[in-house]
PDB file of N, CA and C in Angstrom:
ATOM      1  N   MET A   1       0.792  -1.172  -0.034  1.00  0.00           N
ATOM      2  CA  MET A   1      -0.017  -0.007  -0.066  1.00  0.00           C
ATOM      3  C   MET A   1       0.829   1.293  -0.021  1.00  0.00           C
ATOM      4  N   HIS A   2       2.110   1.085  -0.014  1.00  0.00           N
ATOM      5  CA  HIS A   2       2.956   2.407  -0.078  1.00  0.00           C
ATOM      6  C   HIS A   2       2.853   3.176  -1.361  1.00  0.00           C
ATOM      7  N   ALA A   3       2.454   2.489  -2.405  1.00  0.00           N
ATOM      8  CA  ALA A   3       2.210   3.055  -3.759  1.00  0.00           C
ATOM      9  C   ALA A   3       0.873   3.913  -3.675  1.00  0.00           C
ATOM     10  N   ILE A   4       0.029   3.668  -2.811  1.00  0.00           N
ATOM     11  CA  ILE A   4      -1.121   4.324  -2.624  1.00  0.00           C
ATOM     12  C   ILE A   4      -0.899   5.645  -1.762  1.00  0.00           C
ATOM     13  N   PRO A   5      -1.348   6.793  -2.358  1.00  0.00           N
ATOM     14  CA  PRO A   5      -1.081   7.965  -1.498  1.00  0.00           C
ATOM     15  C   PRO A   5      -1.974   8.050  -0.303  1.00  0.00           C
ATOM     16  N   THR A   6      -1.716   8.906   0.592  1.00  0.00           N
ATOM     17  CA  THR A   6      -2.622   9.266   1.817  1.00  0.00           C
ATOM     18  C   THR A   6      -3.743   9.932   1.233  1.00  0.00           C
ATOM     19  N   LEU A   7      -5.039   9.358   1.513  1.00  0.00           N
ATOM     20  CA  LEU A   7      -6.257  10.072   0.993  1.00  0.00           C
ATOM     21  C   LEU A   7      -7.070  10.378   2.265  1.00  0.00           C
ATOM     22  N   PRO A   8      -6.792  11.521   2.895  1.00  0.00           N
ATOM     23  CA  PRO A   8      -7.391  11.839   4.197  1.00  0.00           C
ATOM     24  C   PRO A   8      -8.933  12.081   4.244  1.00  0.00           C
ATOM     25  N   LEU A   9      -9.520  12.233   3.035  1.00  0.00           N
ATOM     26  CA  LEU A   9     -10.961  12.486   2.988  1.00  0.00           C
ATOM     27  C   LEU A   9     -11.721  11.078   2.507  1.00  0.00           C
ATOM     28  N   LEU A  10     -10.983  10.069   2.144  1.00  0.00           N
ATOM     29  CA  LEU A  10     -11.676   8.758   1.616  1.00  0.00           C
ATOM     30  C   LEU A  10     -12.452   8.178   2.702  1.00  0.00           C
ATOM     31  N   ARG A  11     -13.687   8.041   2.325  1.00  0.00           N
ATOM     32  CA  ARG A  11     -14.836   7.433   3.238  1.00  0.00           C
ATOM     33  C   ARG A  11     -15.078   5.972   3.045  1.00  0.00           C
ATOM     34  N   GLU A  12     -14.975   5.550   1.756  1.00  0.00           N
ATOM     35  CA  GLU A  12     -15.334   4.291   1.339  1.00  0.00           C
ATOM     36  C   GLU A  12     -14.155   3.656   0.467  1.00  0.00           C
ATOM     37  N   LEU A  13     -13.939   2.322   0.794  1.00  0.00           N
ATOM     38  CA  LEU A  13     -12.918   1.604  -0.097  1.00  0.00           C
ATOM     39  C   LEU A  13     -13.551   0.419  -0.462  1.00  0.00           C
ATOM     40  N   HIS A  14     -13.612   0.343  -1.923  1.00  0.00           N
ATOM     41  CA  HIS A  14     -14.316  -0.913  -2.464  1.00  0.00           C
ATOM     42  C   HIS A  14     -13.312  -1.635  -3.258  1.00  0.00           C
ATOM     43  N   VAL A  15     -12.833  -2.804  -2.718  1.00  0.00           N
ATOM     44  CA  VAL A  15     -11.918  -3.582  -3.346  1.00  0.00           C
ATOM     45  C   VAL A  15     -12.293  -5.194  -3.387  1.00  0.00           C
ATOM     46  N   SER A  16     -13.639  -5.332  -3.682  1.00  0.00           N
ATOM     47  CA  SER A  16     -14.232  -6.666  -3.817  1.00  0.00           C
ATOM     48  C   SER A  16     -13.758  -7.321  -5.143  1.00  0.00           C
ATOM     49  N   HIS A  17     -13.718  -8.660  -5.199  1.00  0.00           N
ATOM     50  CA  HIS A  17     -13.398  -9.494  -6.397  1.00  0.00           C
ATOM     51  C   HIS A  17     -11.933  -9.192  -6.916  1.00  0.00           C
ATOM     52  N   ASN A  18     -10.981  -9.138  -6.001  1.00  0.00           N
ATOM     53  CA  ASN A  18      -9.619  -8.845  -6.384  1.00  0.00           C
ATOM     54  C   ASN A  18      -8.729 -10.046  -5.892  1.00  0.00           C
ATOM     55  N   LYS A  19      -9.125 -11.075  -5.384  1.00  0.00           N
ATOM     56  CA  LYS A  19      -8.266 -12.229  -4.959  1.00  0.00           C
ATOM     57  C   LYS A  19      -7.307 -11.837  -3.880  1.00  0.00           C
ATOM     58  N   LEU A  20      -7.677 -10.943  -3.098  1.00  0.00           N
ATOM     59  CA  LEU A  20      -6.856 -10.358  -1.954  1.00  0.00           C
ATOM     60  C   LEU A  20      -6.701 -11.527  -0.896  1.00  0.00           C
ATOM     61  N   THR A  21      -5.616 -11.709  -0.361  1.00  0.00           N
ATOM     62  CA  THR A  21      -5.422 -12.748   0.635  1.00  0.00           C
ATOM     63  C   THR A  21      -5.056 -11.999   2.073  1.00  0.00           C
ATOM     64  N   ARG A  22      -4.769 -10.764   1.976  1.00  0.00           N
ATOM     65  CA  ARG A  22      -4.493 -10.011   3.206  1.00  0.00           C
ATOM     66  C   ARG A  22      -4.989  -8.497   3.015  1.00  0.00           C
ATOM     67  N   LEU A  23      -5.168  -7.758   4.110  1.00  0.00           N
ATOM     68  CA  LEU A  23      -5.403  -6.416   3.804  1.00  0.00           C
ATOM     69  C   LEU A  23      -4.281  -5.521   3.745  1.00  0.00           C
ATOM     70  N   THR A  24      -3.129  -5.977   4.253  1.00  0.00           N
ATOM     71  CA  THR A  24      -1.836  -5.230   4.216  1.00  0.00           C
ATOM     72  C   THR A  24      -0.807  -6.121   3.970  1.00  0.00           C
ATOM     73  N   LEU A  25       0.249  -5.637   3.116  1.00  0.00           N
ATOM     74  CA  LEU A  25       1.378  -6.453   2.890  1.00  0.00           C
ATOM     75  C   LEU A  25       2.620  -6.004   3.791  1.00  0.00           C
ATOM     76  N   GLN A  26       2.303  -5.028   4.548  1.00  0.00           N
ATOM     77  CA  GLN A  26       3.348  -4.476   5.300  1.00  0.00           C
ATOM     78  C   GLN A  26       3.282  -5.032   6.775  1.00  0.00           C
ATOM     79  N   THR A  27       4.399  -4.895   7.526  1.00  0.00           N
ATOM     80  CA  THR A  27       4.289  -5.112   8.987  1.00  0.00           C
ATOM     81  C   THR A  27       3.676  -4.127   9.754  1.00  0.00           C
ATOM     82  N   ASP A  28       3.542  -2.893   9.190  1.00  0.00           N
ATOM     83  CA  ASP A  28       2.884  -1.799   9.874  1.00  0.00           C
ATOM     84  C   ASP A  28       1.307  -2.040   9.888  1.00  0.00           C
ATOM     85  N   THR A  29       0.835  -2.472  10.935  1.00  0.00           N
ATOM     86  CA  THR A  29      -0.727  -2.847  11.003  1.00  0.00           C
ATOM     87  C   THR A  29      -1.562  -1.517  11.135  1.00  0.00           C
ATOM     88  N   THR A  30      -0.837  -0.314  11.257  1.00  0.00           N
ATOM     89  CA  THR A  30      -1.632   0.819  11.411  1.00  0.00           C
ATOM     90  C   THR A  30      -1.578   1.637   9.985  1.00  0.00           C
ATOM     91  N   LEU A  31      -1.101   1.104   8.987  1.00  0.00           N
ATOM     92  CA  LEU A  31      -0.987   1.607   7.670  1.00  0.00           C
ATOM     93  C   LEU A  31      -2.317   2.015   7.129  1.00  0.00           C
ATOM     94  N   ILE A  32      -3.443   1.192   7.146  1.00  0.00           N
ATOM     95  CA  ILE A  32      -4.770   1.613   6.584  1.00  0.00           C
ATOM     96  C   ILE A  32      -5.179   2.785   7.287  1.00  0.00           C
ATOM     97  N   ALA A  33      -5.087   2.898   8.636  1.00  0.00           N
ATOM     98  CA  ALA A  33      -5.591   3.984   9.474  1.00  0.00           C
ATOM     99  C   ALA A  33      -4.696   5.196   8.981  1.00  0.00           C
ATOM    100  N   LYS A  34      -3.514   5.180   8.776  1.00  0.00           N
ATOM    101  CA  LYS A  34      -2.710   6.171   8.426  1.00  0.00           C
ATOM    102  C   LYS A  34      -3.076   6.804   7.021  1.00  0.00           C
ATOM    103  N   LYS A  35      -3.170   5.940   6.230  1.00  0.00           N
ATOM    104  CA  LYS A  35      -3.448   6.302   4.869  1.00  0.00           C
ATOM    105  C   LYS A  35      -4.931   6.834   4.609  1.00  0.00           C
ATOM    106  N   PHE A  36      -5.887   6.255   5.297  1.00  0.00           N
ATOM    107  CA  PHE A  36      -7.303   6.587   5.191  1.00  0.00           C
ATOM    108  C   PHE A  36      -7.902   6.947   6.424  1.00  0.00           C
ATOM    109  N   PRO A  37      -7.609   7.964   7.088  1.00  0.00           N
ATOM    110  CA  PRO A  37      -8.066   8.244   8.486  1.00  0.00           C
ATOM    111  C   PRO A  37      -9.591   8.397   8.660  1.00  0.00           C
ATOM    112  N   LYS A  38     -10.303   8.788   7.588  1.00  0.00           N
ATOM    113  CA  LYS A  38     -11.706   8.960   7.723  1.00  0.00           C
ATOM    114  C   LYS A  38     -12.488   7.812   7.174  1.00  0.00           C
ATOM    115  N   LEU A  39     -11.829   6.694   6.864  1.00  0.00           N
ATOM    116  CA  LEU A  39     -12.487   5.464   6.321  1.00  0.00           C
ATOM    117  C   LEU A  39     -13.634   4.973   7.139  1.00  0.00           C
ATOM    118  N   ASP A  40     -14.718   4.898   6.553  1.00  0.00           N
ATOM    119  CA  ASP A  40     -16.149   4.484   7.252  1.00  0.00           C
ATOM    120  C   ASP A  40     -16.457   3.118   6.843  1.00  0.00           C
ATOM    121  N   LEU A  41     -16.259   2.682   5.535  1.00  0.00           N
ATOM    122  CA  LEU A  41     -16.601   1.375   4.910  1.00  0.00           C
ATOM    123  C   LEU A  41     -15.563   0.824   4.083  1.00  0.00           C
ATOM    124  N   ILE A  42     -15.403  -0.557   4.390  1.00  0.00           N
ATOM    125  CA  ILE A  42     -14.450  -1.236   3.552  1.00  0.00           C
ATOM    126  C   ILE A  42     -15.228  -2.522   3.037  1.00  0.00           C
ATOM    127  N   ASP A  43     -15.154  -2.501   1.588  1.00  0.00           N
ATOM    128  CA  ASP A  43     -15.821  -3.606   0.926  1.00  0.00           C
ATOM    129  C   ASP A  43     -14.749  -4.597   0.422  1.00  0.00           C
ATOM    130  N   VAL A  44     -14.569  -5.811   1.117  1.00  0.00           N
ATOM    131  CA  VAL A  44     -13.605  -6.644   0.670  1.00  0.00           C
ATOM    132  C   VAL A  44     -14.391  -8.097   0.336  1.00  0.00           C
ATOM    133  N   ARG A  45     -15.501  -8.037  -0.174  1.00  0.00           N
ATOM    134  CA  ARG A  45     -16.377  -9.163  -0.326  1.00  0.00           C
ATOM    135  C   ARG A  45     -15.687  -9.815  -1.588  1.00  0.00           C
ATOM    136  N   LYS A  46     -15.972 -11.144  -1.499  1.00  0.00           N
ATOM    137  CA  LYS A  46     -15.450 -12.183  -2.617  1.00  0.00           C
ATOM    138  C   LYS A  46     -13.913 -12.016  -2.920  1.00  0.00           C
ATOM    139  N   ASN A  47     -13.073 -12.092  -1.836  1.00  0.00           N
ATOM    140  CA  ASN A  47     -11.743 -12.107  -2.089  1.00  0.00           C
ATOM    141  C   ASN A  47     -11.248 -13.497  -1.594  1.00  0.00           C
ATOM    142  N   GLU A  48     -10.030 -13.656  -1.166  1.00  0.00           N
ATOM    143  CA  GLU A  48      -9.472 -14.934  -0.538  1.00  0.00           C
ATOM    144  C   GLU A  48      -8.983 -14.742   0.853  1.00  0.00           C
ATOM    145  N   LEU A  49      -9.671 -13.800   1.672  1.00  0.00           N
ATOM    146  CA  LEU A  49      -9.266 -13.653   3.068  1.00  0.00           C
ATOM    147  C   LEU A  49      -9.599 -14.774   3.896  1.00  0.00           C
ATOM    148  N   GLU A  50      -8.580 -15.134   4.691  1.00  0.00           N
ATOM    149  CA  GLU A  50      -8.866 -16.356   5.656  1.00  0.00           C
ATOM    150  C   GLU A  50      -8.508 -15.985   7.117  1.00  0.00           C
ATOM    151  N   ASP A  51      -7.594 -15.064   7.302  1.00  0.00           N
ATOM    152  CA  ASP A  51      -7.215 -14.761   8.700  1.00  0.00           C
ATOM    153  C   ASP A  51      -7.951 -13.650   9.434  1.00  0.00           C
ATOM    154  N   VAL A  52      -8.811 -14.042  10.278  1.00  0.00           N
ATOM    155  CA  VAL A  52      -9.700 -12.939  10.995  1.00  0.00           C
ATOM    156  C   VAL A  52      -8.691 -12.220  11.841  1.00  0.00           C
ATOM    157  N   ASP A  53      -7.728 -12.726  12.518  1.00  0.00           N
ATOM    158  CA  ASP A  53      -6.786 -12.052  13.392  1.00  0.00           C
ATOM    159  C   ASP A  53      -6.009 -10.885  12.516  1.00  0.00           C
ATOM    160  N   GLU A  54      -5.528 -11.277  11.415  1.00  0.00           N
ATOM    161  CA  GLU A  54      -4.933 -10.200  10.457  1.00  0.00           C
ATOM    162  C   GLU A  54      -5.836  -9.084  10.205  1.00  0.00           C
ATOM    163  N   ILE A  55      -7.117  -9.341   9.847  1.00  0.00           N
ATOM    164  CA  ILE A  55      -8.042  -8.374   9.448  1.00  0.00           C
ATOM    165  C   ILE A  55      -8.280  -7.411  10.791  1.00  0.00           C
ATOM    166  N   ILE A  56      -8.378  -7.971  11.850  1.00  0.00           N
ATOM    167  CA  ILE A  56      -8.605  -7.217  13.207  1.00  0.00           C
ATOM    168  C   ILE A  56      -7.411  -6.275  13.373  1.00  0.00           C
ATOM    169  N   GLN A  57      -6.140  -6.790  13.347  1.00  0.00           N
ATOM    170  CA  GLN A  57      -4.960  -6.123  13.487  1.00  0.00           C
ATOM    171  C   GLN A  57      -4.820  -5.015  12.400  1.00  0.00           C
ATOM    172  N   SER A  58      -5.257  -5.309  11.248  1.00  0.00           N
ATOM    173  CA  SER A  58      -5.086  -4.193  10.183  1.00  0.00           C
ATOM    174  C   SER A  58      -6.089  -3.105  10.282  1.00  0.00           C
ATOM    175  N   LEU A  59      -7.136  -3.361  10.973  1.00  0.00           N
ATOM    176  CA  LEU A  59      -8.223  -2.267  11.021  1.00  0.00           C
ATOM    177  C   LEU A  59      -8.497  -1.766  12.401  1.00  0.00           C
ATOM    178  N   LYS A  60      -7.770  -2.314  13.430  1.00  0.00           N
ATOM    179  CA  LYS A  60      -7.958  -1.841  14.810  1.00  0.00           C
ATOM    180  C   LYS A  60      -7.891  -0.454  15.158  1.00  0.00           C
ATOM    181  N   ASP A  61      -6.935   0.367  14.287  1.00  0.00           N
ATOM    182  CA  ASP A  61      -6.884   1.725  14.501  1.00  0.00           C
ATOM    183  C   ASP A  61      -7.709   2.683  13.691  1.00  0.00           C
ATOM    184  N   CYS A  62      -8.548   2.047  12.882  1.00  0.00           N
ATOM    185  CA  CYS A  62      -9.462   2.872  12.009  1.00  0.00           C
ATOM    186  C   CYS A  62     -10.641   3.317  12.793  1.00  0.00           C
ATOM    187  N   GLU A  63     -10.509   4.481  13.427  1.00  0.00           N
ATOM    188  CA  GLU A  63     -11.550   5.027  14.398  1.00  0.00           C
ATOM    189  C   GLU A  63     -12.950   5.142  13.778  1.00  0.00           C
ATOM    190  N   GLU A  64     -12.891   5.527  12.477  1.00  0.00           N
ATOM    191  CA  GLU A  64     -14.214   5.967  11.952  1.00  0.00           C
ATOM    192  C   GLU A  64     -14.986   4.696  11.250  1.00  0.00           C
ATOM    193  N   LEU A  65     -14.297   3.667  11.113  1.00  0.00           N
ATOM    194  CA  LEU A  65     -14.825   2.407  10.481  1.00  0.00           C
ATOM    195  C   LEU A  65     -16.171   1.945  11.096  1.00  0.00           C
ATOM    196  N   SER A  66     -17.240   1.933  10.405  1.00  0.00           N
ATOM    197  CA  SER A  66     -18.475   1.465  10.906  1.00  0.00           C
ATOM    198  C   SER A  66     -18.927   0.177   9.955  1.00  0.00           C
ATOM    199  N   ALA A  67     -18.423  -0.108   8.956  1.00  0.00           N
ATOM    200  CA  ALA A  67     -18.995  -1.150   8.134  1.00  0.00           C
ATOM    201  C   ALA A  67     -17.803  -1.884   7.338  1.00  0.00           C
ATOM    202  N   LEU A  68     -17.809  -3.251   7.543  1.00  0.00           N
ATOM    203  CA  LEU A  68     -16.772  -4.134   6.956  1.00  0.00           C
ATOM    204  C   LEU A  68     -17.520  -5.151   6.197  1.00  0.00           C
ATOM    205  N   LEU A  69     -17.482  -5.254   4.962  1.00  0.00           N
ATOM    206  CA  LEU A  69     -18.193  -6.226   4.123  1.00  0.00           C
ATOM    207  C   LEU A  69     -17.263  -7.390   3.764  1.00  0.00           C
ATOM    208  N   LEU A  70     -17.451  -8.587   4.408  1.00  0.00           N
ATOM    209  CA  LEU A  70     -16.517  -9.604   4.129  1.00  0.00           C
ATOM    210  C   LEU A  70     -17.157 -10.936   3.482  1.00  0.00           C
ATOM    211  N   ASP A  71     -18.486 -11.008   3.151  1.00  0.00           N
ATOM    212  CA  ASP A  71     -19.041 -12.170   2.631  1.00  0.00           C
ATOM    213  C   ASP A  71     -18.417 -12.644   1.193  1.00  0.00           C
ATOM    214  N   GLY A  72     -18.348 -13.853   1.170  1.00  0.00           N
ATOM    215  CA  GLY A  72     -17.638 -14.398   0.004  1.00  0.00           C
ATOM    216  C   GLY A  72     -16.244 -14.712   0.174  1.00  0.00           C
ATOM    217  N   ASN A  73     -15.671 -14.596   1.354  1.00  0.00           N
ATOM    218  CA  ASN A  73     -14.323 -14.964   1.666  1.00  0.00           C
ATOM    219  C   ASN A  73     -14.254 -16.212   2.383  1.00  0.00           C
ATOM    220  N   PRO A  74     -13.199 -16.989   2.247  1.00  0.00           N
ATOM    221  CA  PRO A  74     -13.093 -18.337   2.977  1.00  0.00           C
ATOM    222  C   PRO A  74     -13.233 -18.155   4.524  1.00  0.00           C
ATOM    223  N   LEU A  75     -12.805 -17.007   5.071  1.00  0.00           N
ATOM    224  CA  LEU A  75     -12.910 -16.882   6.450  1.00  0.00           C
ATOM    225  C   LEU A  75     -14.377 -16.963   6.931  1.00  0.00           C
ATOM    226  N   CYS A  76     -15.368 -16.526   6.057  1.00  0.00           N
ATOM    227  CA  CYS A  76     -16.775 -16.566   6.557  1.00  0.00           C
ATOM    228  C   CYS A  76     -17.371 -17.916   6.671  1.00  0.00           C
ATOM    229  N   VAL A  77     -16.746 -18.935   6.210  1.00  0.00           N
ATOM    230  CA  VAL A  77     -17.068 -20.340   6.418  1.00  0.00           C
ATOM    231  C   VAL A  77     -16.909 -20.658   7.869  1.00  0.00           C
ATOM    232  N   HIS A  78     -15.924 -20.108   8.465  1.00  0.00           N
ATOM    233  CA  HIS A  78     -15.468 -20.421   9.836  1.00  0.00           C
ATOM    234  C   HIS A  78     -16.184 -19.543  10.901  1.00  0.00           C
ATOM    235  N   LEU A  79     -16.839 -18.490  10.517  1.00  0.00           N
ATOM    236  CA  LEU A  79     -17.629 -17.717  11.493  1.00  0.00           C
ATOM    237  C   LEU A  79     -18.804 -18.248  12.013  1.00  0.00           C
TER     238      LEU A  79
END
């Protein structure tokens, strides 16, 4: 995500249908919150996300986040 600029006013991030296996590739788990401080909704439906703990760590500092759309990911089978 370092190639993505900081977008301080971004409210919604839609990245469904992208075969994502992780929300971040970096070890900095606060990167999403730093890049998108006003993020309210993340749509990651129909990807390849499996690790609930990784998602929690990646989003724990997103203070404005109120909606996380996860359906269609392998992790949903285990919930």
